[in-house]
PDB file of N, CA and C in Angstrom:
ATOM      1  N   MET A   1      10.941 -23.561  -1.787  1.00  0.00           N
ATOM      2  CA  MET A   1      10.194 -22.330  -2.049  1.00  0.00           C
ATOM      3  C   MET A   1       9.513 -22.477  -3.410  1.00  0.00           C
ATOM      4  N   PRO A   2       8.200 -22.270  -3.493  1.00  0.00           N
ATOM      5  CA  PRO A   2       7.494 -22.427  -4.770  1.00  0.00           C
ATOM      6  C   PRO A   2       7.982 -21.429  -5.806  1.00  0.00           C
ATOM      7  N   ALA A   3       8.109 -21.897  -7.038  1.00  0.00           N
ATOM      8  CA  ALA A   3       8.601 -21.031  -8.111  1.00  0.00           C
ATOM      9  C   ALA A   3       7.594 -19.960  -8.501  1.00  0.00           C
ATOM     10  N   ASP A   4       6.325 -20.168  -8.177  1.00  0.00           N
ATOM     11  CA  ASP A   4       5.319 -19.192  -8.585  1.00  0.00           C
ATOM     12  C   ASP A   4       5.023 -18.163  -7.501  1.00  0.00           C
ATOM     13  N   ARG A   5       5.815 -18.121  -6.461  1.00  0.00           N
ATOM     14  CA  ARG A   5       5.582 -17.165  -5.379  1.00  0.00           C
ATOM     15  C   ARG A   5       6.281 -15.840  -5.696  1.00  0.00           C
ATOM     16  N   TRP A   6       5.509 -14.774  -5.641  1.00  0.00           N
ATOM     17  CA  TRP A   6       6.033 -13.432  -5.900  1.00  0.00           C
ATOM     18  C   TRP A   6       5.953 -12.636  -4.613  1.00  0.00           C
ATOM     19  N   GLU A   7       6.977 -11.855  -4.334  1.00  0.00           N
ATOM     20  CA  GLU A   7       7.026 -11.061  -3.107  1.00  0.00           C
ATOM     21  C   GLU A   7       7.132  -9.577  -3.448  1.00  0.00           C
ATOM     22  N   VAL A   8       6.603  -8.769  -2.541  1.00  0.00           N
ATOM     23  CA  VAL A   8       6.663  -7.317  -2.714  1.00  0.00           C
ATOM     24  C   VAL A   8       8.073  -6.846  -2.373  1.00  0.00           C
ATOM     25  N   VAL A   9       8.655  -6.094  -3.300  1.00  0.00           N
ATOM     26  CA  VAL A   9       9.997  -5.562  -3.086  1.00  0.00           C
ATOM     27  C   VAL A   9       9.976  -4.034  -2.972  1.00  0.00           C
ATOM     28  N   TRP A  10       8.935  -3.400  -3.489  1.00  0.00           N
ATOM     29  CA  TRP A  10       8.892  -1.930  -3.567  1.00  0.00           C
ATOM     30  C   TRP A  10       7.465  -1.466  -3.357  1.00  0.00           C
ATOM     31  N   ARG A  11       7.293  -0.308  -2.691  1.00  0.00           N
ATOM     32  CA  ARG A  11       5.983   0.305  -2.474  1.00  0.00           C
ATOM     33  C   ARG A  11       6.119   1.807  -2.718  1.00  0.00           C
ATOM     34  N   GLY A  12       5.200   2.365  -3.513  1.00  0.00           N
ATOM     35  CA  GLY A  12       5.248   3.787  -3.803  1.00  0.00           C
ATOM     36  C   GLY A  12       3.859   4.355  -4.028  1.00  0.00           C
ATOM     37  N   ALA A  13       3.805   5.651  -4.280  1.00  0.00           N
ATOM     38  CA  ALA A  13       2.525   6.346  -4.340  1.00  0.00           C
ATOM     39  C   ALA A  13       1.960   6.527  -5.742  1.00  0.00           C
ATOM     40  N   THR A  14       2.801   6.383  -6.775  1.00  0.00           N
ATOM     41  CA  THR A  14       2.276   6.633  -8.123  1.00  0.00           C
ATOM     42  C   THR A  14       2.567   5.473  -9.073  1.00  0.00           C
ATOM     43  N   GLU A  15       1.694   5.310 -10.025  1.00  0.00           N
ATOM     44  CA  GLU A  15       1.856   4.265 -11.024  1.00  0.00           C
ATOM     45  C   GLU A  15       3.078   4.533 -11.903  1.00  0.00           C
ATOM     46  N   VAL A  16       3.312   5.787 -12.210  1.00  0.00           N
ATOM     47  CA  VAL A  16       4.458   6.142 -13.055  1.00  0.00           C
ATOM     48  C   VAL A  16       5.754   5.715 -12.385  1.00  0.00           C
ATOM     49  N   ASP A  17       5.913   6.040 -11.091  1.00  0.00           N
ATOM     50  CA  ASP A  17       7.123   5.633 -10.366  1.00  0.00           C
ATOM     51  C   ASP A  17       7.257   4.112 -10.341  1.00  0.00           C
ATOM     52  N   ALA A  18       6.136   3.434 -10.115  1.00  0.00           N
ATOM     53  CA  ALA A  18       6.167   1.971 -10.067  1.00  0.00           C
ATOM     54  C   ALA A  18       6.592   1.384 -11.405  1.00  0.00           C
ATOM     55  N   GLU A  19       6.041   1.891 -12.490  1.00  0.00           N
ATOM     56  CA  GLU A  19       6.384   1.363 -13.815  1.00  0.00           C
ATOM     57  C   GLU A  19       7.835   1.663 -14.186  1.00  0.00           C
ATOM     58  N   LEU A  20       8.311   2.865 -13.863  1.00  0.00           N
ATOM     59  CA  LEU A  20       9.705   3.193 -14.157  1.00  0.00           C
ATOM     60  C   LEU A  20      10.660   2.319 -13.352  1.00  0.00           C
ATOM     61  N   THR A  21      10.336   2.101 -12.091  1.00  0.00           N
ATOM     62  CA  THR A  21      11.178   1.275 -11.231  1.00  0.00           C
ATOM     63  C   THR A  21      11.148  -0.187 -11.682  1.00  0.00           C
ATOM     64  N   ALA A  22       9.957  -0.667 -12.032  1.00  0.00           N
ATOM     65  CA  ALA A  22       9.845  -2.039 -12.550  1.00  0.00           C
ATOM     66  C   ALA A  22      10.642  -2.180 -13.845  1.00  0.00           C
ATOM     67  N   GLY A  23      10.666  -1.140 -14.642  1.00  0.00           N
ATOM     68  CA  GLY A  23      11.454  -1.156 -15.875  1.00  0.00           C
ATOM     69  C   GLY A  23      12.943  -1.324 -15.604  1.00  0.00           C
ATOM     70  N   GLN A  24      13.434  -0.711 -14.535  1.00  0.00           N
ATOM     71  CA  GLN A  24      14.841  -0.883 -14.163  1.00  0.00           C
ATOM     72  C   GLN A  24      15.127  -2.337 -13.783  1.00  0.00           C
ATOM     73  N   LEU A  25      14.192  -2.937 -13.056  1.00  0.00           N
ATOM     74  CA  LEU A  25      14.360  -4.344 -12.695  1.00  0.00           C
ATOM     75  C   LEU A  25      14.361  -5.235 -13.932  1.00  0.00           C
ATOM     76  N   ARG A  26      13.388  -4.985 -14.809  1.00  0.00           N
ATOM     77  CA  ARG A  26      13.276  -5.804 -16.028  1.00  0.00           C
ATOM     78  C   ARG A  26      14.520  -5.662 -16.910  1.00  0.00           C
ATOM     79  N   ALA A  27      15.063  -4.430 -16.977  1.00  0.00           N
ATOM     80  CA  ALA A  27      16.264  -4.199 -17.782  1.00  0.00           C
ATOM     81  C   ALA A  27      17.456  -4.984 -17.241  1.00  0.00           C
ATOM     82  N   ALA A  28      17.427  -5.268 -15.937  1.00  0.00           N
ATOM     83  CA  ALA A  28      18.497  -6.052 -15.311  1.00  0.00           C
ATOM     84  C   ALA A  28      18.205  -7.550 -15.360  1.00  0.00           C
ATOM     85  N   GLY A  29      17.102  -7.927 -16.024  1.00  0.00           N
ATOM     86  CA  GLY A  29      16.769  -9.336 -16.162  1.00  0.00           C
ATOM     87  C   GLY A  29      15.946  -9.905 -15.017  1.00  0.00           C
ATOM     88  N   ILE A  30      15.387  -9.036 -14.172  1.00  0.00           N
ATOM     89  CA  ILE A  30      14.567  -9.478 -13.048  1.00  0.00           C
ATOM     90  C   ILE A  30      13.096  -9.264 -13.410  1.00  0.00           C
ATOM     91  N   PRO A  31      12.301 -10.319 -13.498  1.00  0.00           N
ATOM     92  CA  PRO A  31      10.870 -10.140 -13.798  1.00  0.00           C
ATOM     93  C   PRO A  31      10.210  -9.288 -12.715  1.00  0.00           C
ATOM     94  N   ALA A  32       9.303  -8.419 -13.110  1.00  0.00           N
ATOM     95  CA  ALA A  32       8.640  -7.540 -12.149  1.00  0.00           C
ATOM     96  C   ALA A  32       7.187  -7.321 -12.555  1.00  0.00           C
ATOM     97  N   LEU A  33       6.301  -7.389 -11.575  1.00  0.00           N
ATOM     98  CA  LEU A  33       4.877  -7.115 -11.780  1.00  0.00           C
ATOM     99  C   LEU A  33       4.496  -5.869 -10.995  1.00  0.00           C
ATOM    100  N   VAL A  34       3.713  -5.007 -11.609  1.00  0.00           N
ATOM    101  CA  VAL A  34       3.222  -3.805 -10.941  1.00  0.00           C
ATOM    102  C   VAL A  34       1.747  -3.999 -10.646  1.00  0.00           C
ATOM    103  N   GLU A  35       1.353  -3.681  -9.421  1.00  0.00           N
ATOM    104  CA  GLU A  35      -0.063  -3.717  -9.065  1.00  0.00           C
ATOM    105  C   GLU A  35      -0.338  -2.595  -8.082  1.00  0.00           C
ATOM    106  N   GLY A  36      -1.586  -2.183  -8.033  1.00  0.00           N
ATOM    107  CA  GLY A  36      -1.937  -1.131  -7.090  1.00  0.00           C
ATOM    108  C   GLY A  36      -3.201  -0.427  -7.480  1.00  0.00           C
ATOM    109  N   SER A  37      -3.393   0.708  -6.849  1.00  0.00           N
ATOM    110  CA  SER A  37      -4.582   1.497  -7.119  1.00  0.00           C
ATOM    111  C   SER A  37      -4.299   2.950  -6.819  1.00  0.00           C
ATOM    112  N   ALA A  38      -5.016   3.796  -7.504  1.00  0.00           N
ATOM    113  CA  ALA A  38      -4.938   5.229  -7.271  1.00  0.00           C
ATOM    114  C   ALA A  38      -6.272   5.672  -6.706  1.00  0.00           C
ATOM    115  N   THR A  39      -6.215   6.577  -5.775  1.00  0.00           N
ATOM    116  CA  THR A  39      -7.432   7.124  -5.214  1.00  0.00           C
ATOM    117  C   THR A  39      -7.974   8.159  -6.184  1.00  0.00           C
ATOM    118  N   PRO A  40      -9.217   8.012  -6.646  1.00  0.00           N
ATOM    119  CA  PRO A  40      -9.723   8.932  -7.665  1.00  0.00           C
ATOM    120  C   PRO A  40     -10.182  10.272  -7.100  1.00  0.00           C
ATOM    121  N   TYR A  41     -10.103  10.447  -5.821  1.00  0.00           N
ATOM    122  CA  TYR A  41     -10.594  11.672  -5.211  1.00  0.00           C
ATOM    123  C   TYR A  41      -9.461  12.638  -4.946  1.00  0.00           C
ATOM    124  N   ARG A  42      -9.823  13.878  -4.807  1.00  0.00           N
ATOM    125  CA  ARG A  42      -8.840  14.908  -4.495  1.00  0.00           C
ATOM    126  C   ARG A  42      -9.298  15.672  -3.255  1.00  0.00           C
ATOM    127  N   ALA A  43      -8.334  16.087  -2.467  1.00  0.00           N
ATOM    128  CA  ALA A  43      -8.607  16.953  -1.326  1.00  0.00           C
ATOM    129  C   ALA A  43      -8.139  18.341  -1.746  1.00  0.00           C
ATOM    130  N   ALA A  44      -9.071  19.229  -1.944  1.00  0.00           N
ATOM    131  CA  ALA A  44      -8.772  20.560  -2.465  1.00  0.00           C
ATOM    132  C   ALA A  44      -8.040  20.388  -3.796  1.00  0.00           C
ATOM    133  N   ALA A  45      -6.825  20.909  -3.894  1.00  0.00           N
ATOM    134  CA  ALA A  45      -6.082  20.814  -5.149  1.00  0.00           C
ATOM    135  C   ALA A  45      -5.063  19.678  -5.139  1.00  0.00           C
ATOM    136  N   PHE A  46      -5.037  18.905  -4.038  1.00  0.00           N
ATOM    137  CA  PHE A  46      -4.011  17.878  -3.898  1.00  0.00           C
ATOM    138  C   PHE A  46      -4.584  16.490  -4.101  1.00  0.00           C
ATOM    139  N   PRO A  47      -3.970  15.700  -4.980  1.00  0.00           N
ATOM    140  CA  PRO A  47      -4.442  14.319  -5.131  1.00  0.00           C
ATOM    141  C   PRO A  47      -4.095  13.524  -3.878  1.00  0.00           C
ATOM    142  N   LEU A  48      -4.984  12.622  -3.488  1.00  0.00           N
ATOM    143  CA  LEU A  48      -4.743  11.808  -2.313  1.00  0.00           C
ATOM    144  C   LEU A  48      -3.776  10.666  -2.612  1.00  0.00           C
ATOM    145  N   GLY A  49      -3.570  10.355  -3.870  1.00  0.00           N
ATOM    146  CA  GLY A  49      -2.596   9.342  -4.238  1.00  0.00           C
ATOM    147  C   GLY A  49      -3.131   7.939  -4.155  1.00  0.00           C
ATOM    148  N   GLY A  50      -2.255   7.009  -3.959  1.00  0.00           N
ATOM    149  CA  GLY A  50      -2.625   5.615  -3.895  1.00  0.00           C
ATOM    150  C   GLY A  50      -1.453   4.803  -3.417  1.00  0.00           C
ATOM    151  N   THR A  51      -1.530   3.516  -3.603  1.00  0.00           N
ATOM    152  CA  THR A  51      -0.433   2.639  -3.232  1.00  0.00           C
ATOM    153  C   THR A  51      -0.149   1.713  -4.401  1.00  0.00           C
ATOM    154  N   TRP A  52       1.097   1.668  -4.800  1.00  0.00           N
ATOM    155  CA  TRP A  52       1.534   0.824  -5.906  1.00  0.00           C
ATOM    156  C   TRP A  52       2.637  -0.080  -5.404  1.00  0.00           C
ATOM    157  N   LEU A  53       2.582  -1.333  -5.814  1.00  0.00           N
ATOM    158  CA  LEU A  53       3.551  -2.333  -5.394  1.00  0.00           C
ATOM    159  C   LEU A  53       4.271  -2.901  -6.600  1.00  0.00           C
ATOM    160  N   ILE A  54       5.511  -3.322  -6.376  1.00  0.00           N
ATOM    161  CA  ILE A  54       6.237  -4.097  -7.376  1.00  0.00           C
ATOM    162  C   ILE A  54       6.544  -5.437  -6.726  1.00  0.00           C
ATOM    163  N   ARG A  55       6.162  -6.495  -7.429  1.00  0.00           N
ATOM    164  CA  ARG A  55       6.453  -7.855  -6.973  1.00  0.00           C
ATOM    165  C   ARG A  55       7.477  -8.487  -7.905  1.00  0.00           C
ATOM    166  N   VAL A  56       8.354  -9.280  -7.293  1.00  0.00           N
ATOM    167  CA  VAL A  56       9.340 -10.053  -8.056  1.00  0.00           C
ATOM    168  C   VAL A  56       9.256 -11.503  -7.591  1.00  0.00           C
ATOM    169  N   PRO A  57       9.743 -12.438  -8.394  1.00  0.00           N
ATOM    170  CA  PRO A  57       9.756 -13.824  -7.929  1.00  0.00           C
ATOM    171  C   PRO A  57      10.548 -13.935  -6.631  1.00  0.00           C
ATOM    172  N   ALA A  58      10.115 -14.821  -5.740  1.00  0.00           N
ATOM    173  CA  ALA A  58      10.747 -14.943  -4.427  1.00  0.00           C
ATOM    174  C   ALA A  58      12.248 -15.176  -4.533  1.00  0.00           C
ATOM    175  N   GLU A  59      12.669 -15.939  -5.525  1.00  0.00           N
ATOM    176  CA  GLU A  59      14.101 -16.227  -5.646  1.00  0.00           C
ATOM    177  C   GLU A  59      14.909 -15.022  -6.123  1.00  0.00           C
ATOM    178  N   ALA A  60      14.246 -13.980  -6.599  1.00  0.00           N
ATOM    179  CA  ALA A  60      14.941 -12.784  -7.083  1.00  0.00           C
ATOM    180  C   ALA A  60      14.843 -11.619  -6.109  1.00  0.00           C
ATOM    181  N   ILE A  61      14.302 -11.857  -4.919  1.00  0.00           N
ATOM    182  CA  ILE A  61      14.057 -10.747  -3.997  1.00  0.00           C
ATOM    183  C   ILE A  61      15.353 -10.036  -3.583  1.00  0.00           C
ATOM    184  N   GLU A  62      16.393 -10.792  -3.259  1.00  0.00           N
ATOM    185  CA  GLU A  62      17.645 -10.164  -2.809  1.00  0.00           C
ATOM    186  C   GLU A  62      18.343  -9.395  -3.928  1.00  0.00           C
ATOM    187  N   PRO A  63      18.492  -9.963  -5.130  1.00  0.00           N
ATOM    188  CA  PRO A  63      19.095  -9.163  -6.214  1.00  0.00           C
ATOM    189  C   PRO A  63      18.263  -7.919  -6.541  1.00  0.00           C
ATOM    190  N   ALA A  64      16.946  -8.039  -6.452  1.00  0.00           N
ATOM    191  CA  ALA A  64      16.083  -6.883  -6.736  1.00  0.00           C
ATOM    192  C   ALA A  64      16.290  -5.796  -5.691  1.00  0.00           C
ATOM    193  N   ARG A  65      16.340  -6.189  -4.424  1.00  0.00           N
ATOM    194  CA  ARG A  65      16.578  -5.196  -3.361  1.00  0.00           C
ATOM    195  C   ARG A  65      17.927  -4.509  -3.545  1.00  0.00           C
ATOM    196  N   ALA A  66      18.945  -5.299  -3.855  1.00  0.00           N
ATOM    197  CA  ALA A  66      20.282  -4.726  -4.045  1.00  0.00           C
ATOM    198  C   ALA A  66      20.290  -3.725  -5.194  1.00  0.00           C
ATOM    199  N   LEU A  67      19.662  -4.089  -6.305  1.00  0.00           N
ATOM    200  CA  LEU A  67      19.615  -3.188  -7.454  1.00  0.00           C
ATOM    201  C   LEU A  67      18.858  -1.904  -7.121  1.00  0.00           C
ATOM    202  N   LEU A  68      17.701  -2.049  -6.473  1.00  0.00           N
ATOM    203  CA  LEU A  68      16.898  -0.860  -6.155  1.00  0.00           C
ATOM    204  C   LEU A  68      17.612   0.035  -5.143  1.00  0.00           C
ATOM    205  N   GLU A  69      18.321  -0.550  -4.226  1.00  0.00           N
ATOM    206  CA  GLU A  69      19.111   0.246  -3.274  1.00  0.00           C
ATOM    207  C   GLU A  69      20.186   1.023  -4.031  1.00  0.00           C
ATOM    208  N   GLU A  70      20.817   0.362  -4.968  1.00  0.00           N
ATOM    209  CA  GLU A  70      21.888   0.970  -5.767  1.00  0.00           C
ATOM    210  C   GLU A  70      21.397   2.151  -6.604  1.00  0.00           C
ATOM    211  N   VAL A  71      20.161   2.073  -7.119  1.00  0.00           N
ATOM    212  CA  VAL A  71      19.646   3.156  -7.969  1.00  0.00           C
ATOM    213  C   VAL A  71      18.893   4.227  -7.180  1.00  0.00           C
ATOM    214  N   GLY A  72      18.951   4.168  -5.858  1.00  0.00           N
ATOM    215  CA  GLY A  72      18.363   5.226  -5.042  1.00  0.00           C
ATOM    216  C   GLY A  72      16.928   5.003  -4.619  1.00  0.00           C
ATOM    217  N   GLU A  73      16.443   3.787  -4.739  1.00  0.00           N
ATOM    218  CA  GLU A  73      15.062   3.500  -4.349  1.00  0.00           C
ATOM    219  C   GLU A  73      14.953   2.922  -2.932  1.00  0.00           C
ATOM    220  N   GLY A  74      16.009   3.064  -2.153  1.00  0.00           N
ATOM    221  CA  GLY A  74      16.024   2.527  -0.793  1.00  0.00           C
ATOM    222  C   GLY A  74      14.832   2.910   0.066  1.00  0.00           C
ATOM    223  N   PRO A  75      14.395   4.178   0.043  1.00  0.00           N
ATOM    224  CA  PRO A  75      13.261   4.565   0.888  1.00  0.00           C
ATOM    225  C   PRO A  75      11.949   3.856   0.528  1.00  0.00           C
ATOM    226  N   ASN A  76      11.849   3.364  -0.693  1.00  0.00           N
ATOM    227  CA  ASN A  76      10.619   2.704  -1.126  1.00  0.00           C
ATOM    228  C   ASN A  76      10.687   1.184  -1.041  1.00  0.00           C
ATOM    229  N   LEU A  77      11.807   0.651  -0.592  1.00  0.00           N
ATOM    230  CA  LEU A  77      11.932  -0.799  -0.493  1.00  0.00           C
ATOM    231  C   LEU A  77      11.012  -1.334   0.592  1.00  0.00           C
ATOM    232  N   GLU A  78      10.407  -2.443   0.299  1.00  0.00           N
ATOM    233  CA  GLU A  78       9.543  -3.125   1.257  1.00  0.00           C
ATOM    234  C   GLU A  78      10.459  -3.984   2.121  1.00  0.00           C
ATOM    235  N   ALA A  79      10.460  -3.715   3.423  1.00  0.00           N
ATOM    236  CA  ALA A  79      11.415  -4.363   4.323  1.00  0.00           C
ATOM    237  C   ALA A  79      11.150  -5.846   4.507  1.00  0.00           C
ATOM    238  N   GLY A  80       9.932  -6.180   4.791  1.00  0.00           N
ATOM    239  CA  GLY A  80       9.651  -7.573   5.101  1.00  0.00           C
ATOM    240  C   GLY A  80       8.745  -8.205   4.081  1.00  0.00           C
ATOM    241  N   GLU A  81       8.412  -9.438   4.350  1.00  0.00           N
ATOM    242  CA  GLU A  81       7.480 -10.142   3.482  1.00  0.00           C
ATOM    243  C   GLU A  81       6.101  -9.572   3.746  1.00  0.00           C
ATOM    244  N   GLY A  82       5.456  -9.140   2.731  1.00  0.00           N
ATOM    245  CA  GLY A  82       4.143  -8.542   2.891  1.00  0.00           C
ATOM    246  C   GLY A  82       3.357  -8.738   1.631  1.00  0.00           C
ATOM    247  N   GLY A  83       2.643  -7.716   1.253  1.00  0.00           N
ATOM    248  CA  GLY A  83       1.887  -7.830   0.035  1.00  0.00           C
ATOM    249  C   GLY A  83       0.572  -7.103   0.126  1.00  0.00           C
ATOM    250  N   ASP A  84       0.256  -6.611   1.313  1.00  0.00           N
ATOM    251  CA  ASP A  84      -0.967  -5.849   1.434  1.00  0.00           C
ATOM    252  C   ASP A  84      -0.784  -4.495   0.770  1.00  0.00           C
ATOM    253  N   LEU A  85      -1.872  -3.971   0.268  1.00  0.00           N
ATOM    254  CA  LEU A  85      -1.814  -2.626  -0.301  1.00  0.00           C
ATOM    255  C   LEU A  85      -1.829  -1.559   0.782  1.00  0.00           C
ATOM    256  N   LEU A  86      -2.083  -1.959   2.026  1.00  0.00           N
ATOM    257  CA  LEU A  86      -2.058  -1.027   3.148  1.00  0.00           C
ATOM    258  C   LEU A  86      -0.849  -1.318   4.020  1.00  0.00           C
ATOM    259  N   ASP A  87      -0.154  -0.255   4.428  1.00  0.00           N
ATOM    260  CA  ASP A  87       0.941  -0.471   5.368  1.00  0.00           C
ATOM    261  C   ASP A  87       0.405  -0.380   6.790  1.00  0.00           C
ATOM    262  N   ALA A  88       1.260  -0.536   7.777  1.00  0.00           N
ATOM    263  CA  ALA A  88       0.831  -0.575   9.182  1.00  0.00           C
ATOM    264  C   ALA A  88       0.153   0.725   9.602  1.00  0.00           C
ATOM    265  N   ASN A  89       0.662   1.860   9.161  1.00  0.00           N
ATOM    266  CA  ASN A  89       0.060   3.150   9.536  1.00  0.00           C
ATOM    267  C   ASN A  89      -1.331   3.311   8.929  1.00  0.00           C
ATOM    268  N   GLN A  90      -1.491   2.876   7.696  1.00  0.00           N
ATOM    269  CA  GLN A  90      -2.798   2.976   7.056  1.00  0.00           C
ATOM    270  C   GLN A  90      -3.811   2.061   7.739  1.00  0.00           C
ATOM    271  N   ARG A  91      -3.374   0.854   8.122  1.00  0.00           N
ATOM    272  CA  ARG A  91      -4.277  -0.051   8.841  1.00  0.00           C
ATOM    273  C   ARG A  91      -4.677   0.543  10.190  1.00  0.00           C
ATOM    274  N   ALA A  92      -3.720   1.158  10.907  1.00  0.00           N
ATOM    275  CA  ALA A  92      -4.022   1.777  12.199  1.00  0.00           C
ATOM    276  C   ALA A  92      -5.014   2.926  12.027  1.00  0.00           C
ATOM    277  N   THR A  93      -4.862   3.699  10.963  1.00  0.00           N
ATOM    278  CA  THR A  93      -5.788   4.799  10.702  1.00  0.00           C
ATOM    279  C   THR A  93      -7.190   4.273  10.439  1.00  0.00           C
ATOM    280  N   LEU A  94      -7.289   3.204   9.666  1.00  0.00           N
ATOM    281  CA  LEU A  94      -8.611   2.623   9.394  1.00  0.00           C
ATOM    282  C   LEU A  94      -9.254   2.057  10.664  1.00  0.00           C
ATOM    283  N   LYS A  95      -8.452   1.455  11.517  1.00  0.00           N
ATOM    284  CA  LYS A  95      -8.987   0.936  12.785  1.00  0.00           C
ATOM    285  C   LYS A  95      -9.516   2.083  13.644  1.00  0.00           C
ATOM    286  N   ALA A  96      -8.753   3.170  13.728  1.00  0.00           N
ATOM    287  CA  ALA A  96      -9.183   4.325  14.521  1.00  0.00           C
ATOM    288  C   ALA A  96     -10.460   4.937  13.940  1.00  0.00           C
ATOM    289  N   ALA A  97     -10.523   5.039  12.630  1.00  0.00           N
ATOM    290  CA  ALA A  97     -11.727   5.584  11.988  1.00  0.00           C
ATOM    291  C   ALA A  97     -12.922   4.677  12.238  1.00  0.00           C
ATOM    292  N   GLY A  98     -12.725   3.375  12.162  1.00  0.00           N
ATOM    293  CA  GLY A  98     -13.809   2.428  12.443  1.00  0.00           C
ATOM    294  C   GLY A  98     -14.295   2.540  13.874  1.00  0.00           C
ATOM    295  N   PHE A  99     -13.362   2.674  14.810  1.00  0.00           N
ATOM    296  CA  PHE A  99     -13.735   2.841  16.214  1.00  0.00           C
ATOM    297  C   PHE A  99     -14.526   4.132  16.406  1.00  0.00           C
ATOM    298  N   GLY A 100     -14.065   5.213  15.774  1.00  0.00           N
ATOM    299  CA  GLY A 100     -14.770   6.494  15.873  1.00  0.00           C
ATOM    300  C   GLY A 100     -16.179   6.414  15.313  1.00  0.00           C
ATOM    301  N   LEU A 101     -16.341   5.728  14.191  1.00  0.00           N
ATOM    302  CA  LEU A 101     -17.677   5.562  13.614  1.00  0.00           C
ATOM    303  C   LEU A 101     -18.571   4.714  14.508  1.00  0.00           C
ATOM    304  N   ALA A 102     -18.006   3.710  15.145  1.00  0.00           N
ATOM    305  CA  ALA A 102     -18.792   2.874  16.064  1.00  0.00           C
ATOM    306  C   ALA A 102     -19.262   3.700  17.254  1.00  0.00           C
ATOM    307  N   VAL A 103     -18.380   4.513  17.807  1.00  0.00           N
ATOM    308  CA  VAL A 103     -18.756   5.372  18.935  1.00  0.00           C
ATOM    309  C   VAL A 103     -19.828   6.364  18.502  1.00  0.00           C
ATOM    310  N   LEU A 104     -19.671   6.959  17.348  1.00  0.00           N
ATOM    311  CA  LEU A 104     -20.667   7.899  16.836  1.00  0.00           C
ATOM    312  C   LEU A 104     -22.016   7.218  16.662  1.00  0.00           C
ATOM    313  N   GLY A 105     -22.027   5.995  16.147  1.00  0.00           N
ATOM    314  CA  GLY A 105     -23.275   5.249  15.981  1.00  0.00           C
ATOM    315  C   GLY A 105     -23.938   4.950  17.304  1.00  0.00           C
ATOM    316  N   ILE A 106     -23.150   4.570  18.302  1.00  0.00           N
ATOM    317  CA  ILE A 106     -23.719   4.280  19.630  1.00  0.00           C
ATOM    318  C   ILE A 106     -24.293   5.539  20.257  1.00  0.00           C
ATOM    319  N   VAL A 107     -23.580   6.633  20.174  1.00  0.00           N
ATOM    320  CA  VAL A 107     -24.078   7.901  20.736  1.00  0.00           C
ATOM    321  C   VAL A 107     -25.365   8.315  20.036  1.00  0.00           C
ATOM    322  N   THR A 108     -25.402   8.207  18.720  1.00  0.00           N
ATOM    323  CA  THR A 108     -26.612   8.551  17.965  1.00  0.00           C
ATOM    324  C   THR A 108     -27.775   7.665  18.381  1.00  0.00           C
ATOM    325  N   LEU A 109     -27.533   6.387  18.526  1.00  0.00           N
ATOM    326  CA  LEU A 109     -28.573   5.457  18.955  1.00  0.00           C
ATOM    327  C   LEU A 109     -29.086   5.802  20.348  1.00  0.00           C
ATOM    328  N   LEU A 110     -28.188   6.116  21.260  1.00  0.00           N
ATOM    329  CA  LEU A 110     -28.601   6.496  22.615  1.00  0.00           C
ATOM    330  C   LEU A 110     -29.422   7.778  22.617  1.00  0.00           C
ATOM    331  N   LEU A 111     -29.040   8.734  21.794  1.00  0.00           N
ATOM    332  CA  LEU A 111     -29.816   9.977  21.709  1.00  0.00           C
ATOM    333  C   LEU A 111     -31.193   9.739  21.119  1.00  0.00           C
ATOM    334  N   LEU A 112     -31.289   8.869  20.135  1.00  0.00           N
ATOM    335  CA  LEU A 112     -32.592   8.550  19.559  1.00  0.00           C
ATOM    336  C   LEU A 112     -33.492   7.828  20.585  1.00  0.00           C
ATOM    337  N   ILE A 113     -32.912   6.920  21.326  1.00  0.00           N
ATOM    338  CA  ILE A 113     -33.677   6.211  22.376  1.00  0.00           C
ATOM    339  C   ILE A 113     -34.138   7.186  23.434  1.00  0.00           C
ATOM    340  N   ARG A 114     -33.243   8.090  23.847  1.00  0.00           N
ATOM    341  CA  ARG A 114     -33.592   9.094  24.867  1.00  0.00           C
ATOM    342  C   ARG A 114     -34.726   9.992  24.377  1.00  0.00           C
ATOM    343  N   GLU A 115     -34.655  10.412  23.110  1.00  0.00           N
ATOM    344  CA  GLU A 115     -35.687  11.286  22.554  1.00  0.00           C
ATOM    345  C   GLU A 115     -37.026  10.542  22.456  1.00  0.00           C
ATOM    346  N   ALA A 116     -36.988   9.264  22.061  1.00  0.00           N
ATOM    347  CA  ALA A 116     -38.215   8.482  21.935  1.00  0.00           C
ATOM    348  C   ALA A 116     -38.847   8.220  23.294  1.00  0.00           C
ATOM    349  N   ALA A 117     -38.038   8.099  24.329  1.00  0.00           N
ATOM    350  CA  ALA A 117     -38.559   7.797  25.672  1.00  0.00           C
ATOM    351  C   ALA A 117     -39.085   9.046  26.374  1.00  0.00           C
ATOM    352  N   GLY A 118     -38.669  10.159  26.012  1.00  0.00           N
ATOM    353  CA  GLY A 118     -39.100  11.313  26.800  1.00  0.00           C
ATOM    354  C   GLY A 118     -39.387  12.467  25.984  1.00  0.00           C
TER     355      GLY A 118
END
């Protein structure tokens, strides 16, 4: 296993949570990197949030998971090897939205052709 390989151990919605959680790992001697993004838009009064990841070296993945489980971060643990900023539900939503936009484009094109022909 390459020494420079980092794996996602935690996924959450805010940078603050990610940094605090990474701090717990670092305090236990486990190197941790935080990466992610926040959505700058708001829906009404509610922020849409973002996705933040914590990566640890591959050889530290099991101790990191054990520590995070112990401190109550179990719901945010990344189950498998991954690393995408989108989870399966977010990818499915984007696929559905893309399909909907494609259908809308085809319908619009057909209506324009119909109007031009008659």
